[in-house]
Amino acid sequence: MLTVDNMRIALGDFSLAGDFTITPGARVAVLGPSGAGKSTLLAAIAGFQPLDAGQIHWDAKPMPKDPAARPISMVFQDNNLFPHLTVAQNVGLGLRPNLRLSTDDHTRVAQALTHVGLEGMGDRKPAQLSGGQIARVALARVLLRDRPVLLLDEPFGALGPALKAEMLELVHTLLDETGATLLMVSHDPEDARVLCDQVVLVADGAAHAPVATDEMFANPPEVMREYLGASGEGQL
C-alpha cells in the first residue's frame, strides 16, 4: 500500500499538500491543470523531490531516502535514455547500473526487448529509433527492474493518437502481468478512461485522495470541470 502521509512541499510561491492512500495494484491517473504539481507529486513519491513535511510510506514503512532503494520504477517525459548507450545497454541499466551484465542478464535483456516488440534491436542507439520505439525501450527497462510501483510522467505525450493507444495497451498488458501499482501523469483525460480505475486530482495546491474514474468524470468538482473544459470536450 502506498501512503502519502500529510505531505507538504514548498517551492517559493508554489506549495503542494497531500494525504491519501493508494491500494496495491491500483491504476491511478494523476490529472489537473498545467503547473498544479502533478510531476512534483510523482517526483516526491520517487524520492527526487524532498518533502518539507510528512512522509511517503510503502507497506506502512517510510520510504528510503535514496531513490534507488525505493520500490519504484519511473519513466519520465523524455524516457530518460542515454544517447551514447545501445538499446540493450539502456535496458540493462535496469538490472546493473554499472552494466556489468552476466550471461543470464544479457538473456533477460533480450527477453525484455522481445516482450515489448523490439527483438533484434539491442545494438541500435536511441537516435536510430522512432518515438514509439524509444518508449518501448523505457518500458523494457521498467519490466526488468520488477518494482511494485510504476510512475509514468507523461511518457507518451509526444506520440500520435494511434501510437499512444498502442503504448497504453502495452502498459495495460505489463500491469496485468506484474500486478504493479500505477500512477500516471497525463494531460489527456481519455488516458485515464482507457487505463486507470482511479483519478488523483492535483489542483489548488493539493493532491486529492483517489476517486473512481467513472465517478470523477460523471460528477467532477468545479476545478475538474474547468480543467476538462480547457482540455477540450472532444477528448471526453
Protein backbone atom coordinates (compact mmCIF):
# COMPACT_ATOMS: atom_id res chain seq x y z
CA MET A 1 0.00 0.00 0.00
CA LEU A 2 1.31 3.44 -0.97
CA THR A 3 0.57 6.19 1.55
CA VAL A 4 1.16 9.91 1.16
CA ASP A 5 1.08 10.94 4.81
CA ASN A 6 0.48 14.65 5.48
CA MET A 7 2.89 15.63 2.72
CA ARG A 8 3.79 19.25 2.19
CA ILE A 9 6.16 20.70 -0.39
CA ALA A 10 7.05 24.39 -0.59
CA LEU A 11 8.98 25.81 -3.55
CA GLY A 12 8.94 29.60 -3.44
CA ASP A 13 5.38 30.72 -4.19
CA PHE A 14 4.37 27.15 -5.04
CA SER A 15 3.13 24.64 -2.48
CA LEU A 16 1.60 21.19 -2.65
CA ALA A 17 -0.08 19.18 0.08
CA GLY A 18 -1.41 15.64 0.06
CA ASP A 19 -2.76 13.00 2.43
CA PHE A 20 -4.10 9.81 0.84
CA THR A 21 -3.59 6.09 0.31
CA ILE A 22 -3.42 4.03 -2.87
CA THR A 23 -4.19 0.33 -2.68
CA PRO A 24 -1.82 -2.25 -4.19
CA GLY A 25 -2.44 -2.90 -7.86
CA ALA A 26 -4.48 0.27 -8.38
CA ARG A 27 -4.13 2.12 -11.67
CA VAL A 28 -4.28 5.82 -10.92
CA ALA A 29 -4.33 8.75 -13.34
CA VAL A 30 -2.88 12.00 -11.97
CA LEU A 31 -4.83 14.82 -13.62
CA GLY A 32 -5.04 18.56 -13.17
CA PRO A 33 -4.21 21.94 -14.67
CA SER A 34 -0.74 22.70 -16.01
CA GLY A 35 1.59 23.81 -13.25
CA ALA A 36 -0.60 22.38 -10.48
CA GLY A 37 2.10 19.97 -9.28
CA LYS A 38 1.41 16.63 -10.98
CA SER A 39 5.05 15.94 -11.83
CA THR A 40 6.10 17.28 -8.43
CA LEU A 41 3.87 14.69 -6.76
CA LEU A 42 5.48 11.87 -8.72
CA ALA A 43 8.96 13.23 -8.01
CA ALA A 44 8.16 13.30 -4.28
CA ILE A 45 6.95 9.69 -4.32
CA ALA A 46 10.04 8.65 -6.29
CA GLY A 47 12.33 10.44 -3.83
CA PHE A 48 13.66 13.12 -6.18
CA GLN A 49 11.70 15.96 -4.54
CA PRO A 50 12.35 16.49 -0.81
CA LEU A 51 9.35 16.98 1.48
CA ASP A 52 9.02 19.93 3.82
CA ALA A 53 6.64 17.94 6.00
CA GLY A 54 5.10 14.48 6.12
CA GLN A 55 6.29 11.15 4.75
CA ILE A 56 5.76 8.70 1.91
CA HIS A 57 5.16 5.12 3.06
CA TRP A 58 5.12 1.76 1.31
CA ASP A 59 3.59 -1.17 3.21
CA ALA A 60 3.33 1.03 6.31
CA LYS A 61 7.09 1.75 6.36
CA PRO A 62 8.76 5.06 5.46
CA MET A 63 10.37 5.06 2.03
CA PRO A 64 14.19 5.04 1.99
CA LYS A 65 15.78 8.44 1.34
CA ASP A 66 17.78 7.04 -1.57
CA PRO A 67 15.53 6.99 -4.66
CA ALA A 68 17.36 3.92 -5.99
CA ALA A 69 16.36 1.98 -2.89
CA ARG A 70 12.64 2.74 -3.24
CA PRO A 71 10.31 0.04 -4.63
CA ILE A 72 9.64 2.27 -7.63
CA SER A 73 10.35 2.46 -11.34
CA MET A 74 9.75 5.77 -13.08
CA VAL A 75 9.50 6.71 -16.75
CA PHE A 76 9.96 10.42 -17.42
CA GLN A 77 8.59 12.59 -20.23
CA ASP A 78 11.82 12.17 -22.22
CA ASN A 79 12.01 8.43 -21.36
CA ASN A 80 15.45 9.06 -19.80
CA LEU A 81 17.55 7.07 -22.29
CA PHE A 82 21.31 7.65 -22.59
CA PRO A 83 22.12 8.53 -26.23
CA HIS A 84 25.66 7.10 -26.11
CA LEU A 85 24.45 3.66 -24.97
CA THR A 86 22.83 0.99 -27.11
CA VAL A 87 19.23 -0.06 -26.63
CA ALA A 88 20.39 -3.21 -24.82
CA GLN A 89 22.66 -1.21 -22.52
CA ASN A 90 19.91 1.27 -21.71
CA VAL A 91 17.66 -1.65 -20.76
CA GLY A 92 20.48 -3.39 -18.90
CA LEU A 93 20.73 -0.40 -16.54
CA GLY A 94 17.52 -1.72 -15.01
CA LEU A 95 19.50 -4.73 -13.77
CA ARG A 96 23.00 -3.36 -13.16
CA PRO A 97 23.75 0.37 -13.02
CA ASN A 98 27.41 -0.48 -13.72
CA LEU A 99 26.36 -2.53 -16.79
CA ARG A 100 28.47 -5.50 -15.70
CA LEU A 101 25.94 -7.97 -17.02
CA SER A 102 26.23 -11.71 -16.68
CA THR A 103 25.27 -14.12 -19.45
CA ASP A 104 21.93 -14.60 -17.71
CA ASP A 105 21.48 -10.82 -17.50
CA HIS A 106 22.04 -10.47 -21.25
CA THR A 107 19.44 -13.17 -21.82
CA ARG A 108 16.94 -11.33 -19.65
CA VAL A 109 17.58 -8.06 -21.52
CA ALA A 110 16.95 -9.79 -24.84
CA GLN A 111 13.77 -11.36 -23.48
CA ALA A 112 12.52 -7.97 -22.22
CA LEU A 113 13.15 -6.38 -25.62
CA THR A 114 11.26 -9.19 -27.32
CA HIS A 115 8.42 -8.75 -24.84
CA VAL A 116 7.96 -5.10 -25.86
CA GLY A 117 8.30 -5.79 -29.58
CA LEU A 118 11.95 -4.79 -30.07
CA GLU A 119 13.53 -8.16 -30.83
CA GLY A 120 16.86 -7.83 -32.61
CA MET A 121 17.17 -4.08 -31.97
CA GLY A 122 19.50 -4.21 -28.97
CA ASP A 123 22.54 -2.89 -30.85
CA ARG A 124 20.85 0.29 -32.05
CA LYS A 125 21.34 3.70 -30.46
CA PRO A 126 18.32 5.77 -29.32
CA ALA A 127 18.86 8.21 -32.20
CA GLN A 128 18.10 5.37 -34.61
CA LEU A 129 14.67 4.71 -33.07
CA SER A 130 11.22 6.17 -33.57
CA GLY A 131 9.36 7.84 -30.70
CA GLY A 132 7.28 4.74 -30.09
CA GLN A 133 10.36 2.51 -30.06
CA ILE A 134 12.07 4.78 -27.55
CA ALA A 135 9.03 4.48 -25.27
CA ARG A 136 9.20 0.69 -25.61
CA VAL A 137 12.86 0.71 -24.53
CA ALA A 138 11.91 2.60 -21.38
CA LEU A 139 9.15 0.09 -20.64
CA ALA A 140 11.54 -2.84 -21.20
CA ARG A 141 13.85 -1.37 -18.56
CA VAL A 142 10.92 -0.99 -16.17
CA LEU A 143 9.99 -4.62 -16.80
CA LEU A 144 13.47 -5.78 -15.77
CA ARG A 145 13.51 -3.63 -12.63
CA ASP A 146 10.43 -5.52 -11.43
CA ARG A 147 9.40 -2.95 -8.81
CA PRO A 148 5.89 -2.94 -7.30
CA VAL A 149 5.19 0.74 -8.11
CA LEU A 150 5.35 2.26 -11.60
CA LEU A 151 5.32 6.02 -12.10
CA LEU A 152 4.73 7.38 -15.60
CA ASP A 153 5.26 11.11 -16.09
CA GLU A 154 3.52 11.62 -19.42
CA PRO A 155 5.99 9.48 -21.41
CA PHE A 156 3.64 9.16 -24.41
CA GLY A 157 2.59 12.80 -24.71
CA ALA A 158 4.63 13.39 -27.88
CA LEU A 159 3.20 10.36 -29.70
CA GLY A 160 0.34 10.45 -32.18
CA PRO A 161 -3.08 9.09 -31.14
CA ALA A 162 -2.72 5.64 -32.72
CA LEU A 163 0.79 5.06 -31.37
CA LYS A 164 -0.14 6.35 -27.93
CA ALA A 165 -3.11 3.97 -27.81
CA GLU A 166 -0.73 1.14 -28.69
CA MET A 167 1.63 2.11 -25.86
CA LEU A 168 -1.22 2.38 -23.34
CA GLU A 169 -2.30 -1.12 -24.34
CA LEU A 170 1.26 -2.36 -23.79
CA VAL A 171 1.32 -0.76 -20.32
CA HIS A 172 -2.03 -2.41 -19.60
CA THR A 173 -0.55 -5.80 -20.53
CA LEU A 174 2.56 -5.28 -18.41
CA LEU A 175 0.46 -4.25 -15.41
CA ASP A 176 -1.71 -7.36 -15.82
CA GLU A 177 1.43 -9.48 -15.81
CA THR A 178 3.25 -7.80 -12.92
CA GLY A 179 0.41 -6.57 -10.70
CA ALA A 180 2.28 -3.29 -10.19
CA THR A 181 0.61 -0.18 -8.78
CA LEU A 182 0.47 2.62 -11.36
CA LEU A 183 0.44 6.41 -11.07
CA MET A 184 0.38 8.11 -14.45
CA VAL A 185 0.50 11.84 -15.15
CA SER A 186 -1.35 12.80 -18.30
CA HIS A 187 -2.78 15.92 -19.91
CA ASP A 188 -5.26 13.81 -21.85
CA PRO A 189 -8.32 12.82 -19.78
CA GLU A 190 -9.02 9.99 -22.20
CA ASP A 191 -5.85 8.24 -20.97
CA ALA A 192 -7.48 7.92 -17.57
CA ARG A 193 -10.57 6.30 -19.03
CA VAL A 194 -8.55 3.86 -21.13
CA LEU A 195 -6.09 2.67 -18.49
CA CYS A 196 -6.96 3.81 -14.97
CA ASP A 197 -9.62 2.88 -12.45
CA GLN A 198 -8.96 5.88 -10.18
CA VAL A 199 -8.03 9.54 -10.51
CA VAL A 200 -5.94 11.72 -8.21
CA LEU A 201 -6.83 15.34 -8.94
CA VAL A 202 -4.00 17.82 -8.38
CA ALA A 203 -5.28 21.39 -8.15
CA ASP A 204 -5.25 24.47 -5.93
CA GLY A 205 -2.17 23.37 -4.01
CA ALA A 206 -3.42 19.88 -3.13
CA ALA A 207 -3.16 16.33 -4.40
CA HIS A 208 -6.61 14.98 -3.54
CA ALA A 209 -7.50 11.45 -2.47
CA PRO A 210 -8.19 8.99 -5.31
CA VAL A 211 -11.70 8.88 -6.75
CA ALA A 212 -13.09 6.20 -9.07
CA THR A 213 -12.54 7.29 -12.66
CA ASP A 214 -16.20 6.90 -13.65
CA GLU A 215 -17.29 8.93 -10.63
CA MET A 216 -14.74 11.68 -11.32
CA PHE A 217 -15.99 12.18 -14.86
CA ALA A 218 -19.67 11.75 -14.01
CA ASN A 219 -19.61 14.24 -11.11
CA PRO A 220 -16.45 16.33 -11.40
CA PRO A 221 -15.69 19.05 -8.85
CA GLU A 222 -15.62 22.61 -10.18
CA VAL A 223 -11.85 22.70 -10.70
CA MET A 224 -12.09 19.46 -12.67
CA ARG A 225 -14.92 20.90 -14.79
CA GLU A 226 -12.68 23.86 -15.65
CA TYR A 227 -9.77 21.54 -16.45
CA LEU A 228 -11.90 19.30 -18.65
CA GLY A 229 -13.25 22.32 -20.45
CA ALA A 230 -9.73 23.53 -21.13
CA SER A 231 -8.75 20.05 -22.30
CA GLY A 232 -11.49 20.05 -24.90
CA GLU A 233 -14.79 18.20 -24.82
CA GLY A 234 -13.80 16.20 -27.89
CA GLN A 235 -11.40 14.21 -25.72
CA LEU A 236 -14.01 13.05 -23.22
